[in-house]
Protein backbone atom coordinates (compact mmCIF):
# COMPACT_ATOMS: atom_id res chain seq x y z
CA UNK A 1 -52.25 40.45 62.61
CA UNK A 2 -53.71 38.37 59.80
CA UNK A 3 -51.35 35.50 58.92
CA UNK A 4 -51.45 32.40 56.71
CA UNK A 5 -49.46 29.19 57.21
CA UNK A 6 -48.98 27.24 53.97
CA UNK A 7 -48.28 23.50 53.65
CA UNK A 8 -48.48 20.97 50.81
CA UNK A 9 -50.79 18.42 52.39
CA UNK A 10 -52.31 17.42 55.70
CA UNK A 11 -51.41 13.86 56.68
CA UNK A 12 -52.40 12.87 60.21
CA UNK A 13 -49.21 12.02 62.08
CA UNK A 14 -46.94 13.83 59.61
CA UNK A 15 -44.23 15.99 61.19
CA UNK A 16 -44.76 18.95 58.82
CA UNK A 17 -48.53 18.77 59.26
CA UNK A 18 -48.02 18.86 63.02
CA UNK A 19 -45.70 21.85 62.69
CA UNK A 20 -48.24 23.69 60.51
CA UNK A 21 -51.02 23.08 63.01
CA UNK A 22 -48.78 24.05 65.94
CA UNK A 23 -47.71 27.36 64.33
CA UNK A 24 -51.31 28.25 63.49
CA UNK A 25 -52.52 27.38 66.98
CA UNK A 26 -49.74 29.42 68.65
CA UNK A 27 -50.65 32.52 66.65
CA UNK A 28 -54.35 32.14 67.44
CA UNK A 29 -53.60 31.69 71.14
CA UNK A 30 -51.57 34.92 70.99
CA UNK A 31 -54.62 36.78 69.68
CA UNK A 32 -53.82 36.83 65.95
CA UNK A 33 -56.05 35.93 62.98
CA UNK A 34 -54.25 32.85 61.63
CA UNK A 35 -55.34 30.39 58.94
CA UNK A 36 -53.79 27.15 57.74
CA UNK A 37 -53.80 26.82 53.93
CA UNK A 38 -53.17 23.17 53.14
CA UNK A 39 -53.82 20.43 50.63
CA UNK A 40 -56.65 18.10 51.60
CA UNK A 41 -56.06 14.36 51.45
CA UNK A 42 -58.31 11.57 52.68
CA UNK A 43 -57.25 12.43 56.24
CA UNK A 44 -59.52 14.67 58.30
CA UNK A 45 -58.44 18.29 58.54
CA UNK A 46 -57.93 19.96 61.94
CA UNK A 47 -61.22 21.22 63.39
CA UNK A 48 -59.82 23.52 66.06
CA UNK A 49 -58.19 26.11 63.75
CA UNK A 50 -59.35 27.98 60.62
CA UNK A 51 -58.40 26.04 57.46
CA UNK A 52 -58.49 27.12 53.81
CA UNK A 53 -58.24 23.73 52.05
CA UNK A 54 -57.36 22.83 48.49
CA UNK A 55 -57.51 19.45 46.79
CA UNK A 56 -54.17 17.61 46.91
CA UNK A 57 -53.73 16.11 43.41
CA UNK A 58 -53.25 12.44 42.68
CA UNK A 59 -49.74 11.54 41.59
CA UNK A 60 -49.83 9.27 38.54
CA UNK A 61 -46.41 7.68 38.17
CA UNK A 62 -42.81 8.84 38.59
CA UNK A 63 -41.91 9.76 35.03
CA UNK A 64 -40.66 13.31 34.45
CA UNK A 65 -43.87 14.19 32.62
CA UNK A 66 -46.06 12.77 35.40
CA UNK A 67 -44.12 14.72 38.02
CA UNK A 68 -44.38 17.95 36.02
CA UNK A 69 -48.14 17.55 35.74
CA UNK A 70 -48.46 16.72 39.43
CA UNK A 71 -46.53 19.80 40.56
CA UNK A 72 -48.33 22.04 38.09
CA UNK A 73 -51.67 20.92 39.48
CA UNK A 74 -50.45 21.28 43.06
CA UNK A 75 -49.16 24.78 42.37
CA UNK A 76 -52.42 25.78 40.71
CA UNK A 77 -54.65 24.41 43.47
CA UNK A 78 -52.60 25.91 46.28
CA UNK A 79 -52.42 29.25 44.46
CA UNK A 80 -56.20 29.42 44.14
CA UNK A 81 -56.61 28.72 47.86
CA UNK A 82 -54.07 31.37 48.83
CA UNK A 83 -55.84 33.80 46.52
CA UNK A 84 -59.14 33.15 48.32
CA UNK A 85 -57.49 33.88 51.67
CA UNK A 86 -55.69 36.95 50.30
CA UNK A 87 -58.91 38.44 48.92
CA UNK A 88 -60.69 38.38 52.28
CA UNK A 89 -58.75 41.14 54.03
CA UNK A 90 -55.42 42.79 54.76
CA UNK A 91 -52.64 40.21 54.78
CA UNK A 92 -49.80 40.92 57.20
CA UNK A 93 -47.57 37.83 56.81
CA UNK A 94 -47.45 34.29 55.51
CA UNK A 95 -45.31 31.42 56.73
CA UNK A 96 -44.26 28.76 54.20
CA UNK A 97 -43.16 25.28 55.27
CA UNK A 98 -42.54 23.59 51.91
CA UNK A 99 -41.74 24.76 48.41
CA UNK A 100 -44.41 23.41 46.00
CA UNK A 101 -47.38 25.03 47.78
CA UNK A 102 -45.29 28.15 48.45
CA UNK A 103 -44.86 28.60 44.70
CA UNK A 104 -48.64 28.52 44.38
CA UNK A 105 -48.97 31.06 47.18
CA UNK A 106 -46.67 33.42 45.29
CA UNK A 107 -49.01 33.16 42.30
CA UNK A 108 -52.06 33.78 44.50
CA UNK A 109 -50.83 37.07 45.96
CA UNK A 110 -47.90 36.04 48.14
CA UNK A 111 -45.49 38.32 46.30
CA UNK A 112 -47.30 41.26 47.87
CA UNK A 113 -47.16 39.92 51.44
CA UNK A 114 -44.10 39.57 53.75
CA UNK A 115 -42.90 35.96 53.88
CA UNK A 116 -41.29 33.97 56.69
CA UNK A 117 -39.76 30.79 55.29
CA UNK A 118 -39.32 27.80 57.62
CA UNK A 119 -36.16 25.95 56.54
CA UNK A 120 -36.25 22.17 56.85
CA UNK A 121 -34.10 20.31 54.29
CA UNK A 122 -33.23 21.88 50.91
CA UNK A 123 -35.35 20.23 48.23
CA UNK A 124 -32.44 19.40 45.92
CA UNK A 125 -30.44 17.95 48.81
CA UNK A 126 -33.37 15.66 49.67
CA UNK A 127 -33.51 14.45 46.08
CA UNK A 128 -29.75 13.82 46.06
CA UNK A 129 -29.99 11.86 49.31
CA UNK A 130 -32.71 9.65 47.85
CA UNK A 131 -30.71 9.10 44.65
CA UNK A 132 -27.58 8.08 46.53
CA UNK A 133 -29.52 5.67 48.74
CA UNK A 134 -31.10 4.02 45.71
CA UNK A 135 -27.88 3.85 43.69
CA UNK A 136 -25.32 2.49 46.11
CA UNK A 137 -23.95 5.89 47.11
CA UNK A 138 -23.22 7.00 43.54
CA UNK A 139 -23.76 10.62 42.55
CA UNK A 140 -26.17 11.39 39.70
CA UNK A 141 -24.60 12.55 36.46
CA UNK A 142 -25.71 14.16 33.23
CA UNK A 143 -29.40 14.28 32.46
CA UNK A 144 -30.40 12.63 35.75
CA UNK A 145 -28.69 15.36 37.76
CA UNK A 146 -30.00 18.12 35.52
CA UNK A 147 -33.62 16.95 35.89
CA UNK A 148 -33.33 16.12 39.58
CA UNK A 149 -31.29 18.95 41.08
CA UNK A 150 -31.60 22.12 39.06
CA UNK A 151 -35.41 22.50 38.80
CA UNK A 152 -35.78 21.92 42.54
CA UNK A 153 -32.99 24.32 43.44
CA UNK A 154 -34.33 26.99 41.08
CA UNK A 155 -37.90 26.63 42.41
CA UNK A 156 -36.74 26.80 46.01
CA UNK A 157 -34.59 29.85 45.29
CA UNK A 158 -37.60 31.64 43.81
CA UNK A 159 -39.30 31.35 47.19
CA UNK A 160 -36.56 31.65 49.80
CA UNK A 161 -34.76 34.64 48.29
CA UNK A 162 -38.02 36.61 48.43
CA UNK A 163 -38.45 35.93 52.14
CA UNK A 164 -38.28 38.73 54.67
CA UNK A 165 -36.86 36.22 57.13
CA UNK A 166 -35.86 32.60 57.57
CA UNK A 167 -36.46 30.44 60.61
CA UNK A 168 -35.38 26.90 61.39
CA UNK A 169 -35.46 24.40 64.21
CA UNK A 170 -31.65 24.24 64.27
CA UNK A 171 -28.64 26.25 63.12
CA UNK A 172 -27.68 23.33 60.88
CA UNK A 173 -30.78 23.84 58.76
CA UNK A 174 -30.02 27.53 58.29
CA UNK A 175 -26.47 26.62 57.29
CA UNK A 176 -27.77 24.17 54.67
CA UNK A 177 -29.98 26.83 53.06
CA UNK A 178 -27.28 29.49 53.18
CA UNK A 179 -24.86 27.16 51.38
CA UNK A 180 -27.52 26.19 48.84
CA UNK A 181 -28.65 29.66 47.80
CA UNK A 182 -25.65 31.95 47.54
CA UNK A 183 -25.35 35.30 49.24
CA UNK A 184 -28.36 35.59 51.56
CA UNK A 185 -26.69 37.71 54.23
CA UNK A 186 -29.37 40.38 53.90
CA UNK A 187 -32.08 37.94 55.03
CA UNK A 188 -32.47 37.75 58.85
CA UNK A 189 -32.15 34.16 60.09
CA UNK A 190 -33.57 32.91 63.40
CA UNK A 191 -33.45 29.57 65.21
CA UNK A 192 -36.71 28.71 66.97
CA UNK A 193 -35.68 25.43 68.62
CA UNK A 194 -37.52 22.29 67.64
CA UNK A 195 -39.97 21.40 70.37
CA UNK A 196 -42.83 19.20 71.50
CA UNK A 197 -45.79 19.70 73.78
CA UNK A 198 -44.32 18.11 76.89
CA UNK A 199 -47.70 18.35 78.64
CA UNK A 200 -49.08 15.82 76.12
CA UNK A 201 -46.02 13.61 75.57
CA UNK A 202 -45.87 12.02 79.01
CA UNK A 203 -44.82 8.66 80.50
CA UNK A 204 -47.41 5.91 80.95
CA UNK A 205 -48.49 4.32 84.20
CA UNK A 206 -47.46 0.71 84.78
CA UNK A 207 -50.98 -0.43 83.89
CA UNK A 208 -51.10 1.66 80.68
CA UNK A 209 -47.65 0.38 79.71
CA UNK A 210 -48.84 -3.24 79.90
CA UNK A 211 -52.04 -2.57 77.94
CA UNK A 212 -50.30 -0.79 75.07
CA UNK A 213 -47.53 -3.36 74.75
CA UNK A 214 -50.12 -6.16 74.70
CA UNK A 215 -51.94 -4.34 71.91
CA UNK A 216 -48.79 -4.68 69.78
CA UNK A 217 -48.23 -8.30 70.72
CA UNK A 218 -45.27 -7.70 73.06
CA UNK A 219 -45.01 -10.52 75.57
CA UNK A 220 -43.38 -10.49 79.01
CA UNK A 221 -39.62 -10.58 78.65
CA UNK A 222 -39.62 -9.13 75.13
CA UNK A 223 -38.11 -5.74 74.32
CA UNK A 224 -39.85 -3.14 72.16
CA UNK A 225 -38.17 -0.68 69.81
CA UNK A 226 -40.22 2.04 68.12
CA UNK A 227 -39.14 3.97 65.04
CA UNK A 228 -41.31 6.89 63.92
CA UNK A 229 -40.12 8.08 60.54
CA UNK A 230 -41.13 9.15 57.07
CA UNK A 231 -40.34 6.04 55.06
CA UNK A 232 -37.82 7.33 52.54
CA UNK A 233 -34.24 6.13 51.97
CA UNK A 234 -32.50 8.92 53.90
CA UNK A 235 -34.26 8.04 57.19
CA UNK A 236 -32.48 4.69 57.27
CA UNK A 237 -35.21 2.25 58.32
CA UNK A 238 -33.53 -0.37 56.11
CA UNK A 239 -30.44 0.10 58.28
CA UNK A 240 -32.52 -0.55 61.39
CA UNK A 241 -33.91 -3.78 59.89
CA UNK A 242 -30.36 -5.00 59.29
CA UNK A 243 -29.42 -4.03 62.87
CA UNK A 244 -32.46 -5.85 64.24
CA UNK A 245 -31.27 -9.01 62.50
CA UNK A 246 -28.12 -8.80 64.66
CA UNK A 247 -30.11 -8.58 67.91
CA UNK A 248 -31.81 -11.35 69.85
CA UNK A 249 -35.22 -12.65 68.81
CA UNK A 250 -36.76 -11.13 71.95
CA UNK A 251 -36.28 -7.64 70.43
CA UNK A 252 -39.34 -6.52 68.46
CA UNK A 253 -39.81 -3.39 66.34
CA UNK A 254 -42.81 -1.18 65.58
CA UNK A 255 -42.32 1.25 62.69
CA UNK A 256 -44.82 4.11 62.53
CA UNK A 257 -45.21 6.52 59.64
CA UNK A 258 -45.52 6.10 55.90
CA UNK A 259 -43.83 7.01 52.65
CA UNK A 260 -42.77 5.68 49.25
CA UNK A 261 -40.34 3.12 50.75
CA UNK A 262 -42.94 1.34 52.89
CA UNK A 263 -43.62 -1.58 50.53
CA UNK A 264 -39.91 -2.11 49.86
CA UNK A 265 -39.15 -2.14 53.59
CA UNK A 266 -42.02 -4.54 54.32
CA UNK A 267 -40.75 -6.94 51.66
CA UNK A 268 -37.19 -6.68 52.96
CA UNK A 269 -38.24 -7.44 56.54
CA UNK A 270 -39.81 -10.68 55.33
CA UNK A 271 -36.87 -11.58 53.10
CA UNK A 272 -34.42 -11.41 56.00
CA UNK A 273 -36.63 -13.39 58.36
CA UNK A 274 -38.11 -10.58 60.46
CA UNK A 275 -41.78 -10.93 59.53
CA UNK A 276 -42.78 -11.91 63.09
CA UNK A 277 -40.59 -9.25 64.70
CA UNK A 278 -41.51 -6.10 62.76
CA UNK A 279 -44.85 -4.27 62.54
CA UNK A 280 -45.45 -1.43 60.07
CA UNK A 281 -48.41 0.63 61.30
CA UNK A 282 -48.58 3.47 58.79
CA UNK A 283 -49.56 6.86 60.19
CA UNK A 284 -51.04 6.66 63.68
CA UNK A 285 -53.41 9.08 65.33
CA UNK A 286 -51.50 11.38 67.72
CA UNK A 287 -52.80 9.75 70.92
CA UNK A 288 -51.85 6.28 69.71
CA UNK A 289 -48.43 7.45 68.50
CA UNK A 290 -47.72 8.93 71.91
CA UNK A 291 -48.89 5.72 73.60
CA UNK A 292 -46.74 3.32 71.59
CA UNK A 293 -43.74 5.65 71.91
CA UNK A 294 -44.11 5.82 75.69
CA UNK A 295 -44.51 2.03 75.93
CA UNK A 296 -41.24 1.29 74.11
CA UNK A 297 -37.99 0.30 75.74
CA UNK A 298 -36.17 2.47 73.20
CA UNK A 299 -36.95 4.77 70.31
CA UNK A 300 -34.52 4.52 67.39
CA UNK A 301 -33.68 7.11 64.72
CA UNK A 302 -31.42 5.37 62.16
CA UNK A 303 -30.98 8.39 59.86
CA UNK A 304 -28.51 8.07 56.99
CA UNK A 305 -28.29 11.78 56.13
CA UNK A 306 -30.08 15.16 56.29
CA UNK A 307 -31.43 15.20 59.84
CA UNK A 308 -32.10 18.85 60.57
CA UNK A 309 -33.57 18.30 64.03
CA UNK A 310 -35.17 14.95 64.89
CA UNK A 311 -38.60 15.76 66.30
CA UNK A 312 -39.35 12.09 67.01
CA UNK A 313 -36.35 11.99 69.36
CA UNK A 314 -37.62 14.92 71.42
CA UNK A 315 -41.13 13.43 71.52
CA UNK A 316 -39.82 10.08 72.76
CA UNK A 317 -37.65 11.60 75.48
CA UNK A 318 -40.56 13.71 76.67
CA UNK A 319 -42.43 10.41 77.13
CA UNK A 320 -39.51 9.12 79.21
CA UNK A 321 -38.33 6.79 76.45
CA UNK A 322 -34.57 6.75 75.78
CA UNK A 323 -33.46 7.33 72.19
CA UNK A 324 -30.69 5.66 70.21
CA UNK A 325 -29.64 7.20 66.91
CA UNK A 326 -26.97 7.50 64.28
CA UNK A 327 -24.54 10.41 64.64
CA UNK A 328 -26.08 12.37 61.77
CA UNK A 329 -26.90 16.07 61.63
CA UNK A 330 -28.60 17.55 64.66
CA UNK A 331 -29.08 14.15 66.29
CA UNK A 332 -25.54 14.54 67.61
CA UNK A 333 -26.83 17.39 69.77
CA UNK A 334 -30.46 16.36 70.34
CA UNK A 335 -29.68 12.78 71.41
CA UNK A 336 -26.04 13.20 72.38
CA UNK A 337 -26.95 16.17 74.56
CA UNK A 338 -28.40 13.68 77.02
CA UNK A 339 -25.88 10.85 76.66
CA UNK A 340 -23.38 10.34 73.85
CA UNK A 341 -23.29 6.57 74.43
CA UNK A 342 -26.74 6.50 72.83
CA UNK A 343 -25.18 7.50 69.50
CA UNK A 344 -23.99 4.86 67.03
CA UNK A 345 -20.31 5.18 66.18
CA UNK A 346 -20.94 4.88 62.44
CA UNK A 347 -23.83 4.73 59.97
CA UNK A 348 -23.83 0.94 59.80
CA UNK A 349 -26.03 -1.91 60.99
CA UNK A 350 -23.28 -3.19 63.27
CA UNK A 351 -22.74 0.17 65.01
CA UNK A 352 -26.46 0.77 65.34
CA UNK A 353 -27.01 -2.70 66.83
CA UNK A 354 -24.23 -2.05 69.34
CA UNK A 355 -25.80 1.28 70.36
CA UNK A 356 -29.20 -0.39 70.74
CA UNK A 357 -27.65 -3.01 73.03
CA UNK A 358 -26.15 -0.22 75.15
CA UNK A 359 -29.51 1.53 75.30
CA UNK A 360 -31.44 -1.63 76.18
CA UNK A 361 -29.05 -2.32 79.06
CA UNK A 362 -30.31 0.90 80.70
CA UNK A 363 -33.86 1.13 79.35
CA UNK A 364 -35.39 -0.45 82.46
CA UNK A 365 -33.73 2.04 84.82
CA UNK A 366 -36.51 4.33 86.01
CA UNK A 367 -34.01 7.01 87.03
CA UNK A 368 -32.59 7.02 83.50
CA UNK A 369 -36.06 7.25 81.96
CA UNK A 370 -36.89 10.12 84.31
CA UNK A 371 -33.72 11.91 83.19
CA UNK A 372 -34.90 11.63 79.58
CA UNK A 373 -38.16 13.33 80.53
CA UNK A 374 -36.36 16.04 82.49
CA UNK A 375 -33.94 16.72 79.63
CA UNK A 376 -36.78 17.06 77.10
CA UNK A 377 -38.79 19.33 79.39
CA UNK A 378 -35.83 21.68 79.84
CA UNK A 379 -34.67 21.68 76.22
CA UNK A 380 -37.63 21.02 73.89
CA UNK A 381 -40.88 22.24 75.43
CA UNK A 382 -43.02 24.00 72.82
CA UNK A 383 -44.91 25.84 75.55
CA UNK A 384 -41.62 27.67 76.20
CA UNK A 385 -40.40 28.13 72.62
CA UNK A 386 -43.68 29.12 70.92
CA UNK A 387 -43.37 32.68 72.26
CA UNK A 388 -40.20 33.10 70.18
CA UNK A 389 -42.09 32.03 67.04
CA UNK A 390 -44.95 34.43 67.68
CA UNK A 391 -42.53 37.29 68.39
CA UNK A 392 -40.68 36.59 65.14
CA UNK A 393 -43.93 36.74 63.16
CA UNK A 394 -44.92 39.99 64.84
CA UNK A 395 -41.52 41.53 64.05
CA UNK A 396 -41.54 40.55 60.36
CA UNK A 397 -45.11 41.72 59.77
CA UNK A 398 -44.24 45.32 60.60
């Protein structure tokens, strides 16, 4: 089969970029002709899979006009790249991960090729979550809602209702999309469980543990929390900063990942006296991300809303690192499936701090850390679940 995977942009360390690479690699390993079609940023593109790149446009401001121009350019560039791929031979299937580049793919020939859409979070729901976080929980009204919700919902509907099938990492994600887009009962929907490569996400030796922690300035007797997140309001890193303030000064935090909230979070950490306890790394290379995750006492996912799976939680547990999280979305199952005491009772700094204290009290127990690894290997190993993804692609291409 000849298959394309489409994504907006390749950012090293980004969860969607990792998913796009992983899907492409799985299809190639199964003997199919697969190509990743993705926007090119300053980050290096994967060199172990075929890539059809297009230039990811620069975003100049957040005004409605600037956003319209940005998405128009993105759609045009991605459409041209899909058209190049489409013109080179028979196309059997394409898999879309995000909406803006999928719209371009439709323009470039995607309407004539079966589509498998990978459901993450509905675009309008993501915008609403960001609005609420930035406006004290208030709902947008009038023109703000019209400009924020309806264009995103309409654009997403143009793509997903054309799909021959939907897939998601969790049933919750499929439920979100079904509620968002009306009667879609005719579209087959499949859960391919979220997963990690457990052969690569592994615990560190005692010597490696010490070296990595020293690299991040963690002294003997100090405790290390790691939080790997896209830095946007819904992922709740501000909540974690407030929780950290309630914990002892020996507890340090490394935040990996990037996003539009990074500068605001950095400023806030200094304003509340945490400058010497918090490190923002930006995106890390995969090997370094795995190392710092495995060296932590705990990983923390402080999500406020819209957590469809929680890949960082599965990655941490595969490394033998316990995870504490809020009780939001699929984290209830992913984290709570191991131990429900690792879940915060409420989405608040106080509840999160209490859950972190519970987690830290057990984080040094090697038997507990081994149980995290065992749980991840049984539940979230991509080397087990990738066969289901390949089979789904083969079925839909017929």
